[in-house]
Amino acid sequence: MRRSEVQSLGSAIKDYLKERKFEGKIAEIEAVNLWESIIGKQIARATSSIYVKDGTLYVHLKSSIVRNELFMMRNDIIRVMNQRIGSEVVKAIILK
């Protein structure tokens, strides 16, 4: 058996995920996982729920004060999150 092209396991998995269209979902999960590292532990404690749907990051907060602070920082959060992921996954943030 001859192999015409040798491919690493990591790139083979990426190709498989791209072919199956899981790449976008994985990027959305990565965005949720980056939340605490971007905004910090103190503010993350005020977060009760977070998820991404159709390019929008939905964040449910326990504190209206934190919500107001994040509202003013939302464009910076989107920019940093997309830079770390390496693609434009988050287009908007809804704070509830």
PDB file of N, CA and C in Angstrom:
ATOM      1  N   MET A   1       0.830  -1.169   0.000  1.00  0.00           N
ATOM      2  CA  MET A   1       0.000   0.000   0.000  1.00  0.00           C
ATOM      3  C   MET A   1       0.883   1.243   0.000  1.00  0.00           C
ATOM      4  N   ARG A   2       0.711   2.096  -0.970  1.00  0.00           N
ATOM      5  CA  ARG A   2       1.504   3.314  -1.086  1.00  0.00           C
ATOM      6  C   ARG A   2       0.681   4.514  -0.641  1.00  0.00           C
ATOM      7  N   ARG A   3       1.378   5.404  -0.022  1.00  0.00           N
ATOM      8  CA  ARG A   3       0.741   6.653   0.387  1.00  0.00           C
ATOM      9  C   ARG A   3       1.326   7.776  -0.444  1.00  0.00           C
ATOM     10  N   SER A   4       0.472   8.456  -1.127  1.00  0.00           N
ATOM     11  CA  SER A   4       0.957   9.547  -1.963  1.00  0.00           C
ATOM     12  C   SER A   4       1.141  10.825  -1.153  1.00  0.00           C
ATOM     13  N   GLU A   5       0.388  10.954  -0.069  1.00  0.00           N
ATOM     14  CA  GLU A   5       0.481  12.177   0.727  1.00  0.00           C
ATOM     15  C   GLU A   5       0.385  11.809   2.205  1.00  0.00           C
ATOM     16  N   VAL A   6       1.402  12.155   2.960  1.00  0.00           N
ATOM     17  CA  VAL A   6       1.402  11.908   4.388  1.00  0.00           C
ATOM     18  C   VAL A   6       0.808  13.132   5.067  1.00  0.00           C
ATOM     19  N   GLN A   7      -0.131  12.882   5.987  1.00  0.00           N
ATOM     20  CA  GLN A   7      -0.834  13.969   6.643  1.00  0.00           C
ATOM     21  C   GLN A   7      -0.802  13.707   8.154  1.00  0.00           C
ATOM     22  N   SER A   8      -0.589  14.762   8.925  1.00  0.00           N
ATOM     23  CA  SER A   8      -0.569  14.595  10.375  1.00  0.00           C
ATOM     24  C   SER A   8      -1.975  14.306  10.879  1.00  0.00           C
ATOM     25  N   LEU A   9      -2.059  13.724  12.046  1.00  0.00           N
ATOM     26  CA  LEU A   9      -3.351  13.376  12.631  1.00  0.00           C
ATOM     27  C   LEU A   9      -4.179  14.636  12.897  1.00  0.00           C
ATOM     28  N   GLY A  10      -3.533  15.686  13.372  1.00  0.00           N
ATOM     29  CA  GLY A  10      -4.231  16.942  13.641  1.00  0.00           C
ATOM     30  C   GLY A  10      -4.860  17.541  12.399  1.00  0.00           C
ATOM     31  N   SER A  11      -4.126  17.564  11.308  1.00  0.00           N
ATOM     32  CA  SER A  11      -4.689  18.124  10.078  1.00  0.00           C
ATOM     33  C   SER A  11      -5.759  17.203   9.492  1.00  0.00           C
ATOM     34  N   ALA A  12      -5.630  15.901   9.691  1.00  0.00           N
ATOM     35  CA  ALA A  12      -6.662  14.973   9.222  1.00  0.00           C
ATOM     36  C   ALA A  12      -7.960  15.188   9.992  1.00  0.00           C
ATOM     37  N   ILE A  13      -7.861  15.418  11.293  1.00  0.00           N
ATOM     38  CA  ILE A  13      -9.048  15.688  12.109  1.00  0.00           C
ATOM     39  C   ILE A  13      -9.682  17.011  11.701  1.00  0.00           C
ATOM     40  N   LYS A  14      -8.867  18.038  11.483  1.00  0.00           N
ATOM     41  CA  LYS A  14      -9.404  19.332  11.039  1.00  0.00           C
ATOM     42  C   LYS A  14     -10.127  19.206   9.707  1.00  0.00           C
ATOM     43  N   ASP A  15      -9.544  18.456   8.776  1.00  0.00           N
ATOM     44  CA  ASP A  15     -10.181  18.242   7.478  1.00  0.00           C
ATOM     45  C   ASP A  15     -11.519  17.516   7.632  1.00  0.00           C
ATOM     46  N   TYR A  16     -11.541  16.533   8.513  1.00  0.00           N
ATOM     47  CA  TYR A  16     -12.770  15.778   8.755  1.00  0.00           C
ATOM     48  C   TYR A  16     -13.852  16.683   9.335  1.00  0.00           C
ATOM     49  N   LEU A  17     -13.494  17.491  10.336  1.00  0.00           N
ATOM     50  CA  LEU A  17     -14.457  18.393  10.962  1.00  0.00           C
ATOM     51  C   LEU A  17     -14.969  19.435   9.977  1.00  0.00           C
ATOM     52  N   LYS A  18     -14.077  19.916   9.126  1.00  0.00           N
ATOM     53  CA  LYS A  18     -14.484  20.894   8.114  1.00  0.00           C
ATOM     54  C   LYS A  18     -15.443  20.259   7.110  1.00  0.00           C
ATOM     55  N   GLU A  19     -15.126  19.045   6.718  1.00  0.00           N
ATOM     56  CA  GLU A  19     -15.972  18.326   5.762  1.00  0.00           C
ATOM     57  C   GLU A  19     -17.363  18.066   6.345  1.00  0.00           C
ATOM     58  N   ARG A  20     -17.431  17.777   7.630  1.00  0.00           N
ATOM     59  CA  ARG A  20     -18.703  17.490   8.300  1.00  0.00           C
ATOM     60  C   ARG A  20     -19.401  18.756   8.819  1.00  0.00           C
ATOM     61  N   LYS A  21     -18.782  19.905   8.584  1.00  0.00           N
ATOM     62  CA  LYS A  21     -19.333  21.209   8.971  1.00  0.00           C
ATOM     63  C   LYS A  21     -19.477  21.379  10.481  1.00  0.00           C
ATOM     64  N   PHE A  22     -18.542  20.806  11.235  1.00  0.00           N
ATOM     65  CA  PHE A  22     -18.496  20.983  12.684  1.00  0.00           C
ATOM     66  C   PHE A  22     -17.579  22.122  13.084  1.00  0.00           C
ATOM     67  N   GLU A  23     -16.825  22.643  12.145  1.00  0.00           N
ATOM     68  CA  GLU A  23     -15.826  23.661  12.425  1.00  0.00           C
ATOM     69  C   GLU A  23     -16.441  24.903  13.099  1.00  0.00           C
ATOM     70  N   GLY A  24     -17.596  25.338  12.614  1.00  0.00           N
ATOM     71  CA  GLY A  24     -18.259  26.516  13.177  1.00  0.00           C
ATOM     72  C   GLY A  24     -18.722  26.290  14.598  1.00  0.00           C
ATOM     73  N   LYS A  25     -19.263  25.116  14.882  1.00  0.00           N
ATOM     74  CA  LYS A  25     -19.728  24.799  16.235  1.00  0.00           C
ATOM     75  C   LYS A  25     -18.566  24.740  17.208  1.00  0.00           C
ATOM     76  N   ILE A  26     -17.457  24.203  16.771  1.00  0.00           N
ATOM     77  CA  ILE A  26     -16.280  24.125  17.637  1.00  0.00           C
ATOM     78  C   ILE A  26     -15.771  25.536  17.950  1.00  0.00           C
ATOM     79  N   ALA A  27     -15.792  26.429  16.976  1.00  0.00           N
ATOM     80  CA  ALA A  27     -15.383  27.814  17.200  1.00  0.00           C
ATOM     81  C   ALA A  27     -16.331  28.502  18.176  1.00  0.00           C
ATOM     82  N   GLU A  28     -17.620  28.198  18.119  1.00  0.00           N
ATOM     83  CA  GLU A  28     -18.578  28.774  19.059  1.00  0.00           C
ATOM     84  C   GLU A  28     -18.298  28.291  20.483  1.00  0.00           C
ATOM     85  N   ILE A  29     -17.982  27.025  20.638  1.00  0.00           N
ATOM     86  CA  ILE A  29     -17.644  26.474  21.951  1.00  0.00           C
ATOM     87  C   ILE A  29     -16.364  27.116  22.471  1.00  0.00           C
ATOM     88  N   GLU A  30     -15.423  27.338  21.586  1.00  0.00           N
ATOM     89  CA  GLU A  30     -14.175  27.991  21.968  1.00  0.00           C
ATOM     90  C   GLU A  30     -14.433  29.415  22.454  1.00  0.00           C
ATOM     91  N   ALA A  31     -15.376  30.118  21.817  1.00  0.00           N
ATOM     92  CA  ALA A  31     -15.732  31.478  22.236  1.00  0.00           C
ATOM     93  C   ALA A  31     -16.283  31.472  23.655  1.00  0.00           C
ATOM     94  N   VAL A  32     -17.136  30.513  23.959  1.00  0.00           N
ATOM     95  CA  VAL A  32     -17.694  30.402  25.313  1.00  0.00           C
ATOM     96  C   VAL A  32     -16.589  30.098  26.318  1.00  0.00           C
ATOM     97  N   ASN A  33     -15.667  29.227  25.949  1.00  0.00           N
ATOM     98  CA  ASN A  33     -14.571  28.870  26.847  1.00  0.00           C
ATOM     99  C   ASN A  33     -13.594  30.017  27.078  1.00  0.00           C
ATOM    100  N   LEU A  34     -13.503  30.945  26.144  1.00  0.00           N
ATOM    101  CA  LEU A  34     -12.597  32.088  26.287  1.00  0.00           C
ATOM    102  C   LEU A  34     -13.174  33.200  27.167  1.00  0.00           C
ATOM    103  N   TRP A  35     -14.455  33.142  27.463  1.00  0.00           N
ATOM    104  CA  TRP A  35     -15.151  34.224  28.166  1.00  0.00           C
ATOM    105  C   TRP A  35     -14.417  34.657  29.441  1.00  0.00           C
ATOM    106  N   GLU A  36     -14.121  33.727  30.334  1.00  0.00           N
ATOM    107  CA  GLU A  36     -13.484  34.083  31.603  1.00  0.00           C
ATOM    108  C   GLU A  36     -12.088  34.665  31.408  1.00  0.00           C
ATOM    109  N   SER A  37     -11.328  34.131  30.473  1.00  0.00           N
ATOM    110  CA  SER A  37      -9.966  34.639  30.271  1.00  0.00           C
ATOM    111  C   SER A  37      -9.970  36.044  29.669  1.00  0.00           C
ATOM    112  N   ILE A  38     -11.036  36.403  28.972  1.00  0.00           N
ATOM    113  CA  ILE A  38     -11.109  37.737  28.370  1.00  0.00           C
ATOM    114  C   ILE A  38     -11.604  38.779  29.370  1.00  0.00           C
ATOM    115  N   ILE A  39     -12.644  38.453  30.129  1.00  0.00           N
ATOM    116  CA  ILE A  39     -13.234  39.461  31.014  1.00  0.00           C
ATOM    117  C   ILE A  39     -12.740  39.382  32.446  1.00  0.00           C
ATOM    118  N   GLY A  40     -12.144  38.279  32.837  1.00  0.00           N
ATOM    119  CA  GLY A  40     -11.620  38.135  34.189  1.00  0.00           C
ATOM    120  C   GLY A  40     -12.540  37.329  35.091  1.00  0.00           C
ATOM    121  N   LYS A  41     -11.961  36.808  36.186  1.00  0.00           N
ATOM    122  CA  LYS A  41     -12.697  35.929  37.088  1.00  0.00           C
ATOM    123  C   LYS A  41     -13.817  36.649  37.834  1.00  0.00           C
ATOM    124  N   GLN A  42     -13.569  37.868  38.271  1.00  0.00           N
ATOM    125  CA  GLN A  42     -14.568  38.597  39.054  1.00  0.00           C
ATOM    126  C   GLN A  42     -15.852  38.796  38.248  1.00  0.00           C
ATOM    127  N   ILE A  43     -15.716  39.248  37.028  1.00  0.00           N
ATOM    128  CA  ILE A  43     -16.899  39.488  36.200  1.00  0.00           C
ATOM    129  C   ILE A  43     -17.505  38.156  35.758  1.00  0.00           C
ATOM    130  N   ALA A  44     -16.692  37.159  35.539  1.00  0.00           N
ATOM    131  CA  ALA A  44     -17.201  35.849  35.131  1.00  0.00           C
ATOM    132  C   ALA A  44     -18.074  35.230  36.221  1.00  0.00           C
ATOM    133  N   ARG A  45     -17.805  35.563  37.463  1.00  0.00           N
ATOM    134  CA  ARG A  45     -18.640  35.053  38.559  1.00  0.00           C
ATOM    135  C   ARG A  45     -20.061  35.592  38.484  1.00  0.00           C
ATOM    136  N   ALA A  46     -20.236  36.754  37.878  1.00  0.00           N
ATOM    137  CA  ALA A  46     -21.568  37.350  37.735  1.00  0.00           C
ATOM    138  C   ALA A  46     -22.316  36.787  36.531  1.00  0.00           C
ATOM    139  N   THR A  47     -21.674  35.914  35.774  1.00  0.00           N
ATOM    140  CA  THR A  47     -22.294  35.307  34.595  1.00  0.00           C
ATOM    141  C   THR A  47     -23.020  34.034  35.009  1.00  0.00           C
ATOM    142  N   SER A  48     -24.310  33.964  34.699  1.00  0.00           N
ATOM    143  CA  SER A  48     -25.064  32.757  35.049  1.00  0.00           C
ATOM    144  C   SER A  48     -25.166  31.795  33.870  1.00  0.00           C
ATOM    145  N   SER A  49     -25.159  32.320  32.646  1.00  0.00           N
ATOM    146  CA  SER A  49     -25.285  31.479  31.459  1.00  0.00           C
ATOM    147  C   SER A  49     -24.657  32.207  30.270  1.00  0.00           C
ATOM    148  N   ILE A  50     -24.045  31.428  29.379  1.00  0.00           N
ATOM    149  CA  ILE A  50     -23.427  32.010  28.189  1.00  0.00           C
ATOM    150  C   ILE A  50     -23.477  30.990  27.057  1.00  0.00           C
ATOM    151  N   TYR A  51     -23.862  31.450  25.867  1.00  0.00           N
ATOM    152  CA  TYR A  51     -23.907  30.577  24.699  1.00  0.00           C
ATOM    153  C   TYR A  51     -23.860  31.422  23.427  1.00  0.00           C
ATOM    154  N   VAL A  52     -23.523  30.775  22.311  1.00  0.00           N
ATOM    155  CA  VAL A  52     -23.458  31.443  21.006  1.00  0.00           C
ATOM    156  C   VAL A  52     -24.513  30.818  20.106  1.00  0.00           C
ATOM    157  N   LYS A  53     -25.265  31.684  19.424  1.00  0.00           N
ATOM    158  CA  LYS A  53     -26.267  31.213  18.470  1.00  0.00           C
ATOM    159  C   LYS A  53     -26.283  32.177  17.293  1.00  0.00           C
ATOM    160  N   ASP A  54     -26.057  31.657  16.096  1.00  0.00           N
ATOM    161  CA  ASP A  54     -26.085  32.443  14.860  1.00  0.00           C
ATOM    162  C   ASP A  54     -25.169  33.663  14.913  1.00  0.00           C
ATOM    163  N   GLY A  55     -23.979  33.504  15.454  1.00  0.00           N
ATOM    164  CA  GLY A  55     -23.003  34.588  15.489  1.00  0.00           C
ATOM    165  C   GLY A  55     -23.217  35.600  16.590  1.00  0.00           C
ATOM    166  N   THR A  56     -24.182  35.355  17.468  1.00  0.00           N
ATOM    167  CA  THR A  56     -24.448  36.267  18.575  1.00  0.00           C
ATOM    168  C   THR A  56     -24.121  35.564  19.881  1.00  0.00           C
ATOM    169  N   LEU A  57     -23.343  36.236  20.727  1.00  0.00           N
ATOM    170  CA  LEU A  57     -22.990  35.719  22.044  1.00  0.00           C
ATOM    171  C   LEU A  57     -24.033  36.219  23.035  1.00  0.00           C
ATOM    172  N   TYR A  58     -24.768  35.304  23.652  1.00  0.00           N
ATOM    173  CA  TYR A  58     -25.774  35.636  24.646  1.00  0.00           C
ATOM    174  C   TYR A  58     -25.187  35.406  26.030  1.00  0.00           C
ATOM    175  N   VAL A  59     -25.232  36.456  26.857  1.00  0.00           N
ATOM    176  CA  VAL A  59     -24.661  36.385  28.196  1.00  0.00           C
ATOM    177  C   VAL A  59     -25.741  36.787  29.195  1.00  0.00           C
ATOM    178  N   HIS A  60     -26.074  35.874  30.094  1.00  0.00           N
ATOM    179  CA  HIS A  60     -27.028  36.153  31.165  1.00  0.00           C
ATOM    180  C   HIS A  60     -26.221  36.488  32.418  1.00  0.00           C
ATOM    181  N   LEU A  61     -26.520  37.641  32.992  1.00  0.00           N
ATOM    182  CA  LEU A  61     -25.754  38.138  34.134  1.00  0.00           C
ATOM    183  C   LEU A  61     -26.627  38.266  35.371  1.00  0.00           C
ATOM    184  N   LYS A  62     -25.994  38.145  36.539  1.00  0.00           N
ATOM    185  CA  LYS A  62     -26.678  38.274  37.819  1.00  0.00           C
ATOM    186  C   LYS A  62     -26.705  39.715  38.308  1.00  0.00           C
ATOM    187  N   SER A  63     -25.868  40.558  37.738  1.00  0.00           N
ATOM    188  CA  SER A  63     -25.704  41.923  38.223  1.00  0.00           C
ATOM    189  C   SER A  63     -25.949  42.941  37.110  1.00  0.00           C
ATOM    190  N   SER A  64     -26.798  43.913  37.395  1.00  0.00           N
ATOM    191  CA  SER A  64     -27.059  44.968  36.409  1.00  0.00           C
ATOM    192  C   SER A  64     -25.854  45.904  36.270  1.00  0.00           C
ATOM    193  N   ILE A  65     -25.076  46.044  37.323  1.00  0.00           N
ATOM    194  CA  ILE A  65     -23.882  46.894  37.272  1.00  0.00           C
ATOM    195  C   ILE A  65     -22.860  46.289  36.316  1.00  0.00           C
ATOM    196  N   VAL A  66     -22.647  44.986  36.436  1.00  0.00           N
ATOM    197  CA  VAL A  66     -21.722  44.296  35.536  1.00  0.00           C
ATOM    198  C   VAL A  66     -22.245  44.373  34.106  1.00  0.00           C
ATOM    199  N   ARG A  67     -23.540  44.217  33.929  1.00  0.00           N
ATOM    200  CA  ARG A  67     -24.141  44.290  32.589  1.00  0.00           C
ATOM    201  C   ARG A  67     -23.859  45.646  31.942  1.00  0.00           C
ATOM    202  N   ASN A  68     -24.003  46.724  32.706  1.00  0.00           N
ATOM    203  CA  ASN A  68     -23.730  48.055  32.164  1.00  0.00           C
ATOM    204  C   ASN A  68     -22.259  48.233  31.790  1.00  0.00           C
ATOM    205  N   GLU A  69     -21.365  47.709  32.614  1.00  0.00           N
ATOM    206  CA  GLU A  69     -19.928  47.789  32.313  1.00  0.00           C
ATOM    207  C   GLU A  69     -19.599  47.015  31.035  1.00  0.00           C
ATOM    208  N   LEU A  70     -20.129  45.807  30.922  1.00  0.00           N
ATOM    209  CA  LEU A  70     -19.863  44.991  29.740  1.00  0.00           C
ATOM    210  C   LEU A  70     -20.502  45.579  28.494  1.00  0.00           C
ATOM    211  N   PHE A  71     -21.639  46.232  28.658  1.00  0.00           N
ATOM    212  CA  PHE A  71     -22.296  46.866  27.517  1.00  0.00           C
ATOM    213  C   PHE A  71     -21.386  47.898  26.870  1.00  0.00           C
ATOM    214  N   MET A  72     -20.671  48.652  27.697  1.00  0.00           N
ATOM    215  CA  MET A  72     -19.765  49.663  27.163  1.00  0.00           C
ATOM    216  C   MET A  72     -18.504  49.050  26.560  1.00  0.00           C
ATOM    217  N   MET A  73     -18.172  47.828  26.961  1.00  0.00           N
ATOM    218  CA  MET A  73     -16.956  47.166  26.486  1.00  0.00           C
ATOM    219  C   MET A  73     -17.228  46.132  25.401  1.00  0.00           C
ATOM    220  N   ARG A  74     -18.473  45.983  24.944  1.00  0.00           N
ATOM    221  CA  ARG A  74     -18.834  44.862  24.080  1.00  0.00           C
ATOM    222  C   ARG A  74     -18.068  44.822  22.763  1.00  0.00           C
ATOM    223  N   ASN A  75     -17.781  45.962  22.150  1.00  0.00           N
ATOM    224  CA  ASN A  75     -17.030  45.958  20.882  1.00  0.00           C
ATOM    225  C   ASN A  75     -15.598  45.467  21.079  1.00  0.00           C
ATOM    226  N   ASP A  76     -14.989  45.864  22.194  1.00  0.00           N
ATOM    227  CA  ASP A  76     -13.637  45.388  22.502  1.00  0.00           C
ATOM    228  C   ASP A  76     -13.636  43.885  22.788  1.00  0.00           C
ATOM    229  N   ILE A  77     -14.657  43.413  23.492  1.00  0.00           N
ATOM    230  CA  ILE A  77     -14.761  41.985  23.799  1.00  0.00           C
ATOM    231  C   ILE A  77     -14.894  41.172  22.511  1.00  0.00           C
ATOM    232  N   ILE A  78     -15.727  41.636  21.594  1.00  0.00           N
ATOM    233  CA  ILE A  78     -15.915  40.949  20.310  1.00  0.00           C
ATOM    234  C   ILE A  78     -14.603  40.892  19.542  1.00  0.00           C
ATOM    235  N   ARG A  79     -13.891  42.017  19.499  1.00  0.00           N
ATOM    236  CA  ARG A  79     -12.631  42.079  18.759  1.00  0.00           C
ATOM    237  C   ARG A  79     -11.599  41.114  19.330  1.00  0.00           C
ATOM    238  N   VAL A  80     -11.425  41.120  20.661  1.00  0.00           N
ATOM    239  CA  VAL A  80     -10.432  40.253  21.302  1.00  0.00           C
ATOM    240  C   VAL A  80     -10.808  38.787  21.141  1.00  0.00           C
ATOM    241  N   MET A  81     -12.091  38.478  21.305  1.00  0.00           N
ATOM    242  CA  MET A  81     -12.547  37.092  21.192  1.00  0.00           C
ATOM    243  C   MET A  81     -12.292  36.552  19.787  1.00  0.00           C
ATOM    244  N   ASN A  82     -12.641  37.319  18.777  1.00  0.00           N
ATOM    245  CA  ASN A  82     -12.432  36.872  17.398  1.00  0.00           C
ATOM    246  C   ASN A  82     -10.949  36.765  17.057  1.00  0.00           C
ATOM    247  N   GLN A  83     -10.122  37.650  17.618  1.00  0.00           N
ATOM    248  CA  GLN A  83      -8.679  37.554  17.386  1.00  0.00           C
ATOM    249  C   GLN A  83      -8.127  36.261  17.964  1.00  0.00           C
ATOM    250  N   ARG A  84      -8.549  35.916  19.163  1.00  0.00           N
ATOM    251  CA  ARG A  84      -8.038  34.696  19.806  1.00  0.00           C
ATOM    252  C   ARG A  84      -8.507  33.431  19.102  1.00  0.00           C
ATOM    253  N   ILE A  85      -9.730  33.458  18.587  1.00  0.00           N
ATOM    254  CA  ILE A  85     -10.255  32.290  17.880  1.00  0.00           C
ATOM    255  C   ILE A  85      -9.623  32.174  16.498  1.00  0.00           C
ATOM    256  N   GLY A  86      -9.364  33.307  15.869  1.00  0.00           N
ATOM    257  CA  GLY A  86      -8.745  33.301  14.551  1.00  0.00           C
ATOM    258  C   GLY A  86      -9.735  33.430  13.413  1.00  0.00           C
ATOM    259  N   SER A  87     -10.996  33.659  13.732  1.00  0.00           N
ATOM    260  CA  SER A  87     -12.018  33.889  12.718  1.00  0.00           C
ATOM    261  C   SER A  87     -13.157  34.692  13.344  1.00  0.00           C
ATOM    262  N   GLU A  88     -14.005  35.229  12.501  1.00  0.00           N
ATOM    263  CA  GLU A  88     -15.104  36.059  13.006  1.00  0.00           C
ATOM    264  C   GLU A  88     -16.284  35.165  13.392  1.00  0.00           C
ATOM    265  N   VAL A  89     -16.270  34.710  14.618  1.00  0.00           N
ATOM    266  CA  VAL A  89     -17.319  33.841  15.135  1.00  0.00           C
ATOM    267  C   VAL A  89     -18.415  34.667  15.782  1.00  0.00           C
ATOM    268  N   VAL A  90     -18.008  35.646  16.593  1.00  0.00           N
ATOM    269  CA  VAL A  90     -18.954  36.481  17.336  1.00  0.00           C
ATOM    270  C   VAL A  90     -19.111  37.807  16.595  1.00  0.00           C
ATOM    271  N   LYS A  91     -20.334  38.119  16.230  1.00  0.00           N
ATOM    272  CA  LYS A  91     -20.622  39.381  15.534  1.00  0.00           C
ATOM    273  C   LYS A  91     -21.333  40.382  16.427  1.00  0.00           C
ATOM    274  N   ALA A  92     -21.999  39.878  17.466  1.00  0.00           N
ATOM    275  CA  ALA A  92     -22.731  40.733  18.391  1.00  0.00           C
ATOM    276  C   ALA A  92     -22.791  40.079  19.758  1.00  0.00           C
ATOM    277  N   ILE A  93     -23.045  40.894  20.783  1.00  0.00           N
ATOM    278  CA  ILE A  93     -23.211  40.398  22.140  1.00  0.00           C
ATOM    279  C   ILE A  93     -24.534  40.919  22.675  1.00  0.00           C
ATOM    280  N   ILE A  94     -25.339  40.017  23.223  1.00  0.00           N
ATOM    281  CA  ILE A  94     -26.588  40.377  23.885  1.00  0.00           C
ATOM    282  C   ILE A  94     -26.392  40.110  25.372  1.00  0.00           C
ATOM    283  N   LEU A  95     -26.560  41.137  26.175  1.00  0.00           N
ATOM    284  CA  LEU A  95     -26.404  41.031  27.625  1.00  0.00           C
ATOM    285  C   LEU A  95     -27.773  41.080  28.267  1.00  0.00           C
ATOM    286  N   LYS A  96     -28.096  40.057  29.042  1.00  0.00           N
ATOM    287  CA  LYS A  96     -29.391  39.978  29.713  1.00  0.00           C
ATOM    288  C   LYS A  96     -29.229  39.926  31.202  1.00  0.00           C
TER     289      LYS A  96
END
